[in-house]
Amino acid sequence: MVKSGRAKRMEKHHKRHKGTGTLNLVSLMDIFTILVFFLLVNSSEVETLPNAKDLQLPESIAEKKARDTVVILINDTDIIVQGKAVAKVAQVMATRGNDIPALREALLSQNDRVMRRAAAVEIIAREVTIMGDKDIPYRLLKKVMATCTAADYGQISLAVLQRSSDKLDSF
């Protein structure tokens, strides 16, 4: 059978371009590798504080992220250290002076646990984070901070919600 010129050209064309429809997986693997490294690096940087649904934290434009520290949670009724209620807010507000003995004892026991874990740590390096509702009285916050200082905690941080700086510009 005799082929026309057009049929011969089409046959040559199909032979030439037979293997060009393949998928190049090398670049796809590179993209997935970069994505995995990105997710690993960014997921380990996040430290979260305990979830307190009934607390409404104050807002701030602070840039520092939360670290793993001893957490004091202050709600309407209780003062809680690392998930354990240590004092009632009403009793603390009724007492005179800035010392809260039950809180100090709980912090000292946490201090002993931290000391065992990190050997001899200086007082200045011990840190505590206070999570309190934005409507708690300043007098209560002052008592809690004074007790933290009496229990040899050198750094006191207040947990806040991070507010973007563009909201600050609108005021």
N, C-alpha and C. Protein backbone atom coordinates (compact mmCIF):
# COMPACT_ATOMS: atom_id res chain seq x y z
N MET A 1 0.84 -1.17 0.00
CA MET A 1 0.00 0.00 0.00
C MET A 1 0.88 1.23 0.00
N VAL A 2 0.54 2.16 -0.82
CA VAL A 2 1.30 3.38 -0.98
C VAL A 2 0.70 4.45 -0.08
N LYS A 3 1.59 5.11 0.71
CA LYS A 3 1.13 6.17 1.62
C LYS A 3 1.32 7.52 0.95
N SER A 4 0.41 8.39 1.24
CA SER A 4 0.54 9.74 0.72
C SER A 4 1.62 10.49 1.50
N GLY A 5 2.03 11.62 0.99
CA GLY A 5 3.05 12.44 1.64
C GLY A 5 2.59 12.93 3.01
N ARG A 6 1.32 13.26 3.07
CA ARG A 6 0.77 13.74 4.35
C ARG A 6 0.80 12.63 5.39
N ALA A 7 0.43 11.43 5.07
CA ALA A 7 0.42 10.31 5.99
C ALA A 7 1.82 9.99 6.48
N LYS A 8 2.84 10.11 5.57
CA LYS A 8 4.23 9.86 5.95
C LYS A 8 4.70 10.92 6.97
N ARG A 9 4.34 12.19 6.71
CA ARG A 9 4.73 13.27 7.65
C ARG A 9 4.08 13.06 9.02
N MET A 10 2.83 12.67 9.06
CA MET A 10 2.13 12.45 10.33
C MET A 10 2.76 11.29 11.10
N GLU A 11 3.16 10.23 10.38
CA GLU A 11 3.78 9.08 11.02
C GLU A 11 5.12 9.47 11.64
N LYS A 12 5.95 10.27 10.92
CA LYS A 12 7.23 10.74 11.45
C LYS A 12 7.00 11.63 12.67
N HIS A 13 6.01 12.48 12.59
CA HIS A 13 5.70 13.41 13.70
C HIS A 13 5.31 12.62 14.96
N HIS A 14 4.48 11.60 14.80
CA HIS A 14 4.05 10.80 15.95
C HIS A 14 5.21 10.01 16.56
N LYS A 15 6.13 9.53 15.71
CA LYS A 15 7.29 8.82 16.22
C LYS A 15 8.22 9.75 17.00
N ARG A 16 8.37 10.98 16.50
CA ARG A 16 9.25 11.96 17.14
C ARG A 16 8.73 12.40 18.51
N HIS A 17 7.45 12.59 18.64
CA HIS A 17 6.85 13.16 19.86
C HIS A 17 6.14 12.12 20.71
N LYS A 18 6.55 10.87 20.59
CA LYS A 18 5.87 9.80 21.31
C LYS A 18 6.08 9.89 22.83
N GLY A 19 7.26 10.21 23.35
CA GLY A 19 7.55 10.18 24.78
C GLY A 19 7.51 11.53 25.47
N THR A 20 6.96 12.57 24.89
CA THR A 20 7.00 13.90 25.50
C THR A 20 5.86 14.17 26.46
N GLY A 21 4.91 13.29 26.61
CA GLY A 21 3.77 13.54 27.48
C GLY A 21 3.95 13.03 28.89
N THR A 22 5.20 12.83 29.37
CA THR A 22 5.42 12.31 30.72
C THR A 22 5.44 13.44 31.74
N LEU A 23 5.22 13.07 32.98
CA LEU A 23 5.21 14.02 34.09
C LEU A 23 6.57 13.99 34.78
N ASN A 24 7.15 15.17 35.01
CA ASN A 24 8.44 15.28 35.67
C ASN A 24 8.21 15.35 37.18
N LEU A 25 8.54 14.28 37.90
CA LEU A 25 8.28 14.20 39.34
C LEU A 25 9.38 14.80 40.19
N VAL A 26 10.52 15.12 39.63
CA VAL A 26 11.63 15.65 40.42
C VAL A 26 11.27 17.00 41.03
N SER A 27 10.72 17.90 40.23
CA SER A 27 10.37 19.22 40.77
C SER A 27 9.21 19.12 41.76
N LEU A 28 8.30 18.18 41.54
CA LEU A 28 7.19 18.00 42.47
C LEU A 28 7.70 17.52 43.82
N MET A 29 8.67 16.62 43.83
CA MET A 29 9.25 16.14 45.08
C MET A 29 10.00 17.26 45.80
N ASP A 30 10.67 18.13 45.07
CA ASP A 30 11.35 19.27 45.67
C ASP A 30 10.36 20.19 46.39
N ILE A 31 9.24 20.44 45.77
CA ILE A 31 8.22 21.31 46.37
C ILE A 31 7.69 20.69 47.66
N PHE A 32 7.40 19.38 47.65
CA PHE A 32 6.89 18.72 48.84
C PHE A 32 7.93 18.69 49.96
N THR A 33 9.19 18.53 49.63
CA THR A 33 10.25 18.54 50.63
C THR A 33 10.35 19.90 51.30
N ILE A 34 10.30 20.95 50.52
CA ILE A 34 10.34 22.31 51.07
C ILE A 34 9.12 22.56 51.95
N LEU A 35 7.98 22.09 51.54
CA LEU A 35 6.75 22.26 52.32
C LEU A 35 6.84 21.54 53.67
N VAL A 36 7.39 20.33 53.67
CA VAL A 36 7.52 19.57 54.92
C VAL A 36 8.48 20.28 55.87
N PHE A 37 9.62 20.76 55.37
CA PHE A 37 10.56 21.49 56.23
C PHE A 37 9.94 22.76 56.78
N PHE A 38 9.20 23.48 55.97
CA PHE A 38 8.53 24.71 56.42
C PHE A 38 7.56 24.41 57.56
N LEU A 39 6.77 23.36 57.41
CA LEU A 39 5.80 23.01 58.45
C LEU A 39 6.48 22.54 59.73
N LEU A 40 7.57 21.80 59.62
CA LEU A 40 8.29 21.35 60.81
C LEU A 40 8.89 22.51 61.58
N VAL A 41 9.49 23.44 60.87
CA VAL A 41 10.13 24.58 61.53
C VAL A 41 9.10 25.47 62.20
N ASN A 42 8.00 25.74 61.55
CA ASN A 42 7.02 26.67 62.09
C ASN A 42 6.11 26.05 63.14
N SER A 43 5.94 24.75 63.14
CA SER A 43 5.04 24.15 64.12
C SER A 43 5.69 24.03 65.50
N SER A 44 7.00 23.97 65.57
CA SER A 44 7.66 23.80 66.85
C SER A 44 7.84 25.11 67.60
N GLU A 45 7.57 26.22 66.98
CA GLU A 45 7.80 27.53 67.59
C GLU A 45 6.64 28.00 68.45
N VAL A 46 5.49 27.36 68.36
CA VAL A 46 4.29 27.83 69.03
C VAL A 46 4.20 27.25 70.43
N GLU A 47 4.11 28.11 71.42
CA GLU A 47 3.86 27.71 72.80
C GLU A 47 2.48 28.26 73.17
N THR A 48 1.65 27.42 73.73
CA THR A 48 0.31 27.88 74.08
C THR A 48 0.13 27.84 75.59
N LEU A 49 -0.72 28.71 76.05
CA LEU A 49 -1.07 28.76 77.45
C LEU A 49 -2.32 27.91 77.66
N PRO A 50 -2.59 27.50 78.89
CA PRO A 50 -3.80 26.71 79.14
C PRO A 50 -5.04 27.46 78.68
N ASN A 51 -6.02 26.70 78.21
CA ASN A 51 -7.25 27.29 77.72
C ASN A 51 -8.17 27.61 78.89
N ALA A 52 -8.55 28.86 79.00
CA ALA A 52 -9.48 29.29 80.04
C ALA A 52 -10.65 29.98 79.34
N LYS A 53 -11.71 29.24 79.11
CA LYS A 53 -12.83 29.76 78.33
C LYS A 53 -13.54 30.91 79.02
N ASP A 54 -13.57 30.89 80.35
CA ASP A 54 -14.32 31.92 81.07
C ASP A 54 -13.50 33.18 81.32
N LEU A 55 -12.23 33.19 80.94
CA LEU A 55 -11.39 34.38 81.12
C LEU A 55 -11.39 35.21 79.86
N GLN A 56 -11.42 36.50 80.06
CA GLN A 56 -11.29 37.43 78.94
C GLN A 56 -9.99 38.20 79.17
N LEU A 57 -8.94 37.80 78.47
CA LEU A 57 -7.62 38.39 78.68
C LEU A 57 -7.57 39.80 78.13
N PRO A 58 -6.75 40.66 78.73
CA PRO A 58 -6.58 42.01 78.18
C PRO A 58 -5.81 41.95 76.86
N GLU A 59 -5.95 42.99 76.05
CA GLU A 59 -5.26 43.04 74.76
C GLU A 59 -3.99 43.85 74.89
N SER A 60 -3.00 43.50 74.08
CA SER A 60 -1.71 44.18 74.09
C SER A 60 -1.08 44.04 72.71
N ILE A 61 -0.10 44.90 72.44
CA ILE A 61 0.65 44.79 71.19
C ILE A 61 2.01 44.16 71.45
N ALA A 62 2.12 43.39 72.52
CA ALA A 62 3.37 42.73 72.89
C ALA A 62 3.81 41.78 71.79
N GLU A 63 5.12 41.70 71.56
CA GLU A 63 5.67 40.87 70.50
C GLU A 63 6.17 39.53 71.00
N LYS A 64 6.49 39.40 72.30
CA LYS A 64 7.06 38.16 72.82
C LYS A 64 6.01 37.07 72.86
N LYS A 65 6.43 35.86 72.52
CA LYS A 65 5.55 34.70 72.54
C LYS A 65 5.62 34.03 73.91
N ALA A 66 4.59 33.26 74.23
CA ALA A 66 4.52 32.56 75.51
C ALA A 66 5.59 31.47 75.58
N ARG A 67 6.13 31.28 76.77
CA ARG A 67 7.11 30.22 77.02
C ARG A 67 6.54 29.25 78.04
N ASP A 68 7.20 28.12 78.18
CA ASP A 68 6.76 27.11 79.13
C ASP A 68 7.19 27.52 80.53
N THR A 69 6.26 28.01 81.34
CA THR A 69 6.54 28.49 82.69
C THR A 69 5.46 27.97 83.63
N VAL A 70 5.62 28.30 84.91
CA VAL A 70 4.56 28.03 85.89
C VAL A 70 3.43 29.01 85.60
N VAL A 71 2.20 28.50 85.50
CA VAL A 71 1.05 29.34 85.13
C VAL A 71 0.12 29.49 86.33
N ILE A 72 -0.19 30.76 86.65
CA ILE A 72 -1.18 31.08 87.68
C ILE A 72 -2.41 31.61 86.97
N LEU A 73 -3.54 30.96 87.17
CA LEU A 73 -4.78 31.36 86.53
C LEU A 73 -5.68 31.99 87.59
N ILE A 74 -6.17 33.18 87.33
CA ILE A 74 -7.04 33.88 88.29
C ILE A 74 -8.40 34.07 87.61
N ASN A 75 -9.43 33.41 88.15
CA ASN A 75 -10.78 33.64 87.62
C ASN A 75 -11.62 34.33 88.69
N ASP A 76 -12.91 34.33 88.54
CA ASP A 76 -13.78 35.06 89.47
C ASP A 76 -13.76 34.49 90.88
N THR A 77 -13.52 33.19 91.01
CA THR A 77 -13.64 32.57 92.33
C THR A 77 -12.34 32.00 92.88
N ASP A 78 -11.44 31.54 92.02
CA ASP A 78 -10.27 30.80 92.49
C ASP A 78 -8.96 31.35 91.93
N ILE A 79 -7.88 31.04 92.65
CA ILE A 79 -6.52 31.22 92.14
C ILE A 79 -5.97 29.82 91.94
N ILE A 80 -5.55 29.52 90.71
CA ILE A 80 -5.17 28.16 90.33
C ILE A 80 -3.72 28.17 89.87
N VAL A 81 -2.91 27.25 90.41
CA VAL A 81 -1.51 27.11 90.01
C VAL A 81 -1.35 25.76 89.31
N GLN A 82 -0.95 25.79 88.05
CA GLN A 82 -0.73 24.59 87.25
C GLN A 82 -1.93 23.63 87.32
N GLY A 83 -3.15 24.18 87.26
CA GLY A 83 -4.35 23.35 87.23
C GLY A 83 -4.91 22.96 88.58
N LYS A 84 -4.27 23.38 89.69
CA LYS A 84 -4.73 23.02 91.03
C LYS A 84 -5.16 24.28 91.78
N ALA A 85 -6.41 24.32 92.24
CA ALA A 85 -6.91 25.47 92.98
C ALA A 85 -6.20 25.56 94.31
N VAL A 86 -5.66 26.75 94.62
CA VAL A 86 -4.90 26.92 95.87
C VAL A 86 -5.54 27.93 96.81
N ALA A 87 -6.34 28.87 96.30
CA ALA A 87 -6.94 29.88 97.17
C ALA A 87 -8.22 30.41 96.55
N LYS A 88 -9.11 30.91 97.41
CA LYS A 88 -10.34 31.56 96.96
C LYS A 88 -10.11 33.06 96.87
N VAL A 89 -10.60 33.67 95.81
CA VAL A 89 -10.40 35.10 95.58
C VAL A 89 -11.04 35.92 96.70
N ALA A 90 -12.23 35.53 97.15
CA ALA A 90 -12.92 36.28 98.21
C ALA A 90 -12.09 36.31 99.50
N GLN A 91 -11.49 35.18 99.86
CA GLN A 91 -10.67 35.13 101.08
C GLN A 91 -9.40 35.97 100.92
N VAL A 92 -8.82 35.94 99.74
CA VAL A 92 -7.59 36.71 99.49
C VAL A 92 -7.88 38.20 99.57
N MET A 93 -9.01 38.62 99.01
CA MET A 93 -9.36 40.04 99.04
C MET A 93 -9.70 40.50 100.45
N ALA A 94 -10.16 39.60 101.30
CA ALA A 94 -10.53 39.96 102.67
C ALA A 94 -9.32 40.07 103.59
N THR A 95 -8.20 39.48 103.23
CA THR A 95 -7.02 39.52 104.10
C THR A 95 -6.24 40.81 103.90
N ARG A 96 -5.51 41.19 104.94
CA ARG A 96 -4.65 42.37 104.86
C ARG A 96 -3.26 41.95 104.42
N GLY A 97 -2.53 42.87 103.88
CA GLY A 97 -1.17 42.58 103.44
C GLY A 97 -1.15 42.02 102.02
N ASN A 98 0.05 41.87 101.49
CA ASN A 98 0.20 41.44 100.11
C ASN A 98 0.60 39.97 99.96
N ASP A 99 0.69 39.23 101.06
CA ASP A 99 1.12 37.84 100.98
C ASP A 99 -0.09 36.92 100.95
N ILE A 100 -0.04 35.93 100.06
CA ILE A 100 -1.06 34.89 99.99
C ILE A 100 -0.35 33.58 100.34
N PRO A 101 -0.46 33.11 101.60
CA PRO A 101 0.33 31.95 102.04
C PRO A 101 0.11 30.68 101.20
N ALA A 102 -1.13 30.38 100.85
CA ALA A 102 -1.41 29.16 100.08
C ALA A 102 -0.76 29.24 98.69
N LEU A 103 -0.80 30.41 98.07
CA LEU A 103 -0.17 30.60 96.76
C LEU A 103 1.34 30.49 96.88
N ARG A 104 1.89 31.08 97.94
CA ARG A 104 3.35 31.01 98.14
C ARG A 104 3.81 29.57 98.30
N GLU A 105 3.07 28.77 99.08
CA GLU A 105 3.42 27.36 99.27
C GLU A 105 3.35 26.59 97.95
N ALA A 106 2.32 26.86 97.16
CA ALA A 106 2.19 26.18 95.87
C ALA A 106 3.33 26.57 94.92
N LEU A 107 3.70 27.84 94.95
CA LEU A 107 4.80 28.29 94.09
C LEU A 107 6.13 27.72 94.55
N LEU A 108 6.32 27.61 95.87
CA LEU A 108 7.57 27.02 96.37
C LEU A 108 7.66 25.54 96.01
N SER A 109 6.54 24.84 96.02
CA SER A 109 6.58 23.43 95.60
C SER A 109 6.87 23.33 94.11
N GLN A 110 6.33 24.25 93.31
CA GLN A 110 6.67 24.30 91.88
C GLN A 110 8.14 24.65 91.70
N ASN A 111 8.62 25.54 92.56
CA ASN A 111 10.02 25.95 92.55
C ASN A 111 10.93 24.75 92.77
N ASP A 112 10.57 23.88 93.73
CA ASP A 112 11.36 22.69 94.01
C ASP A 112 11.38 21.75 92.80
N ARG A 113 10.22 21.62 92.12
CA ARG A 113 10.14 20.77 90.93
C ARG A 113 11.01 21.33 89.82
N VAL A 114 10.97 22.66 89.64
CA VAL A 114 11.79 23.31 88.62
C VAL A 114 13.26 23.19 88.97
N MET A 115 13.59 23.30 90.25
CA MET A 115 14.99 23.19 90.68
C MET A 115 15.53 21.79 90.39
N ARG A 116 14.73 20.76 90.63
CA ARG A 116 15.19 19.41 90.34
C ARG A 116 15.40 19.22 88.85
N ARG A 117 14.55 19.83 88.05
CA ARG A 117 14.63 19.64 86.61
C ARG A 117 15.79 20.39 86.01
N ALA A 118 16.08 21.58 86.48
CA ALA A 118 17.11 22.42 85.87
C ALA A 118 18.30 22.65 86.79
N ALA A 119 18.48 21.79 87.78
CA ALA A 119 19.58 21.89 88.76
C ALA A 119 19.48 23.23 89.48
N ALA A 120 20.59 23.93 89.66
CA ALA A 120 20.58 25.19 90.41
C ALA A 120 20.34 26.36 89.47
N VAL A 121 19.13 26.85 89.47
CA VAL A 121 18.76 27.97 88.61
C VAL A 121 18.71 29.22 89.47
N GLU A 122 19.22 30.30 88.93
CA GLU A 122 19.18 31.56 89.69
C GLU A 122 17.75 32.06 89.81
N ILE A 123 17.52 32.85 90.85
CA ILE A 123 16.19 33.40 91.09
C ILE A 123 15.73 34.24 89.92
N ILE A 124 16.63 34.99 89.34
CA ILE A 124 16.27 35.89 88.25
C ILE A 124 15.77 35.13 87.03
N ALA A 125 16.18 33.86 86.87
CA ALA A 125 15.79 33.08 85.70
C ALA A 125 14.45 32.37 85.88
N ARG A 126 13.95 32.28 87.12
CA ARG A 126 12.66 31.61 87.34
C ARG A 126 11.54 32.52 86.86
N GLU A 127 10.61 31.91 86.15
CA GLU A 127 9.56 32.72 85.54
C GLU A 127 8.18 32.14 85.83
N VAL A 128 7.24 33.04 86.01
CA VAL A 128 5.85 32.67 86.23
C VAL A 128 4.98 33.52 85.30
N THR A 129 3.89 32.92 84.79
CA THR A 129 2.96 33.64 83.92
C THR A 129 1.62 33.72 84.63
N ILE A 130 1.07 34.92 84.71
CA ILE A 130 -0.22 35.14 85.36
C ILE A 130 -1.28 35.34 84.28
N MET A 131 -2.29 34.46 84.30
CA MET A 131 -3.43 34.59 83.40
C MET A 131 -4.61 35.06 84.24
N GLY A 132 -5.04 36.27 84.01
CA GLY A 132 -6.15 36.80 84.78
C GLY A 132 -7.13 37.52 83.89
N ASP A 133 -8.39 37.49 84.28
CA ASP A 133 -9.42 38.21 83.54
C ASP A 133 -9.08 39.69 83.53
N LYS A 134 -9.47 40.37 82.47
CA LYS A 134 -9.11 41.79 82.38
C LYS A 134 -9.86 42.64 83.39
N ASP A 135 -10.89 42.07 84.04
CA ASP A 135 -11.67 42.83 85.01
C ASP A 135 -11.30 42.53 86.47
N ILE A 136 -10.24 41.75 86.72
CA ILE A 136 -9.86 41.48 88.11
C ILE A 136 -9.32 42.77 88.73
N PRO A 137 -9.55 42.96 90.03
CA PRO A 137 -9.08 44.18 90.68
C PRO A 137 -7.55 44.25 90.72
N TYR A 138 -7.04 45.45 90.62
CA TYR A 138 -5.59 45.63 90.65
C TYR A 138 -5.01 45.19 91.98
N ARG A 139 -5.74 45.37 93.05
CA ARG A 139 -5.27 44.98 94.38
C ARG A 139 -4.99 43.48 94.45
N LEU A 140 -5.85 42.68 93.81
CA LEU A 140 -5.65 41.23 93.76
C LEU A 140 -4.41 40.90 92.92
N LEU A 141 -4.27 41.54 91.79
CA LEU A 141 -3.10 41.31 90.93
C LEU A 141 -1.81 41.70 91.65
N LYS A 142 -1.87 42.80 92.42
CA LYS A 142 -0.70 43.23 93.19
C LYS A 142 -0.32 42.20 94.24
N LYS A 143 -1.32 41.62 94.92
CA LYS A 143 -1.05 40.60 95.93
C LYS A 143 -0.42 39.35 95.29
N VAL A 144 -0.94 38.95 94.15
CA VAL A 144 -0.42 37.76 93.47
C VAL A 144 1.02 38.01 93.02
N MET A 145 1.31 39.18 92.46
CA MET A 145 2.67 39.48 92.01
C MET A 145 3.63 39.58 93.19
N ALA A 146 3.20 40.16 94.31
CA ALA A 146 4.06 40.25 95.49
C ALA A 146 4.36 38.86 96.05
N THR A 147 3.38 37.98 96.02
CA THR A 147 3.58 36.62 96.49
C THR A 147 4.55 35.87 95.57
N CYS A 148 4.46 36.11 94.27
CA CYS A 148 5.39 35.48 93.32
C CYS A 148 6.82 35.92 93.60
N THR A 149 6.99 37.19 93.88
CA THR A 149 8.33 37.70 94.20
C THR A 149 8.83 37.09 95.51
N ALA A 150 7.94 36.95 96.51
CA ALA A 150 8.32 36.35 97.78
C ALA A 150 8.69 34.88 97.63
N ALA A 151 8.14 34.22 96.61
CA ALA A 151 8.43 32.81 96.38
C ALA A 151 9.63 32.62 95.45
N ASP A 152 10.44 33.66 95.30
CA ASP A 152 11.69 33.62 94.54
C ASP A 152 11.50 33.46 93.03
N TYR A 153 10.49 34.07 92.48
CA TYR A 153 10.33 34.12 91.03
C TYR A 153 10.76 35.51 90.57
N GLY A 154 11.78 35.55 89.73
CA GLY A 154 12.37 36.82 89.31
C GLY A 154 11.70 37.46 88.12
N GLN A 155 11.03 36.66 87.28
CA GLN A 155 10.36 37.20 86.09
C GLN A 155 8.88 36.87 86.17
N ILE A 156 8.07 37.92 86.08
CA ILE A 156 6.62 37.76 86.13
C ILE A 156 6.07 38.26 84.81
N SER A 157 5.34 37.39 84.09
CA SER A 157 4.73 37.77 82.82
C SER A 157 3.22 37.74 82.96
N LEU A 158 2.55 38.63 82.26
CA LEU A 158 1.10 38.67 82.24
C LEU A 158 0.63 38.17 80.88
N ALA A 159 -0.28 37.20 80.87
CA ALA A 159 -0.81 36.68 79.61
C ALA A 159 -1.81 37.67 79.04
N VAL A 160 -1.66 37.97 77.76
CA VAL A 160 -2.55 38.91 77.07
C VAL A 160 -2.88 38.36 75.70
N LEU A 161 -3.93 38.90 75.10
CA LEU A 161 -4.25 38.61 73.71
C LEU A 161 -3.47 39.58 72.85
N GLN A 162 -2.85 39.09 71.80
CA GLN A 162 -2.06 39.96 70.95
C GLN A 162 -2.98 40.73 70.03
N ARG A 163 -2.84 42.04 70.05
CA ARG A 163 -3.64 42.91 69.20
C ARG A 163 -2.72 43.45 68.14
N SER A 164 -3.20 43.50 66.91
CA SER A 164 -2.35 44.01 65.83
C SER A 164 -2.14 45.51 65.98
N SER A 165 -1.01 46.00 65.51
CA SER A 165 -0.67 47.41 65.68
C SER A 165 -1.53 48.32 64.81
N ASP A 166 -2.18 47.80 63.74
CA ASP A 166 -3.03 48.66 62.92
C ASP A 166 -4.30 49.04 63.65
N LYS A 167 -4.76 48.21 64.63
CA LYS A 167 -5.91 48.60 65.45
C LYS A 167 -5.52 49.76 66.35
N LEU A 168 -4.26 49.80 66.77
CA LEU A 168 -3.78 50.86 67.65
C LEU A 168 -3.79 52.20 66.91
N ASP A 169 -3.48 52.17 65.62
CA ASP A 169 -3.46 53.40 64.83
C ASP A 169 -4.84 54.03 64.69
N SER A 170 -5.90 53.24 64.82
CA SER A 170 -7.25 53.77 64.60
C SER A 170 -7.75 54.56 65.80
N PHE A 171 -7.07 54.52 66.94
CA PHE A 171 -7.54 55.25 68.12
C PHE A 171 -7.23 56.69 68.03
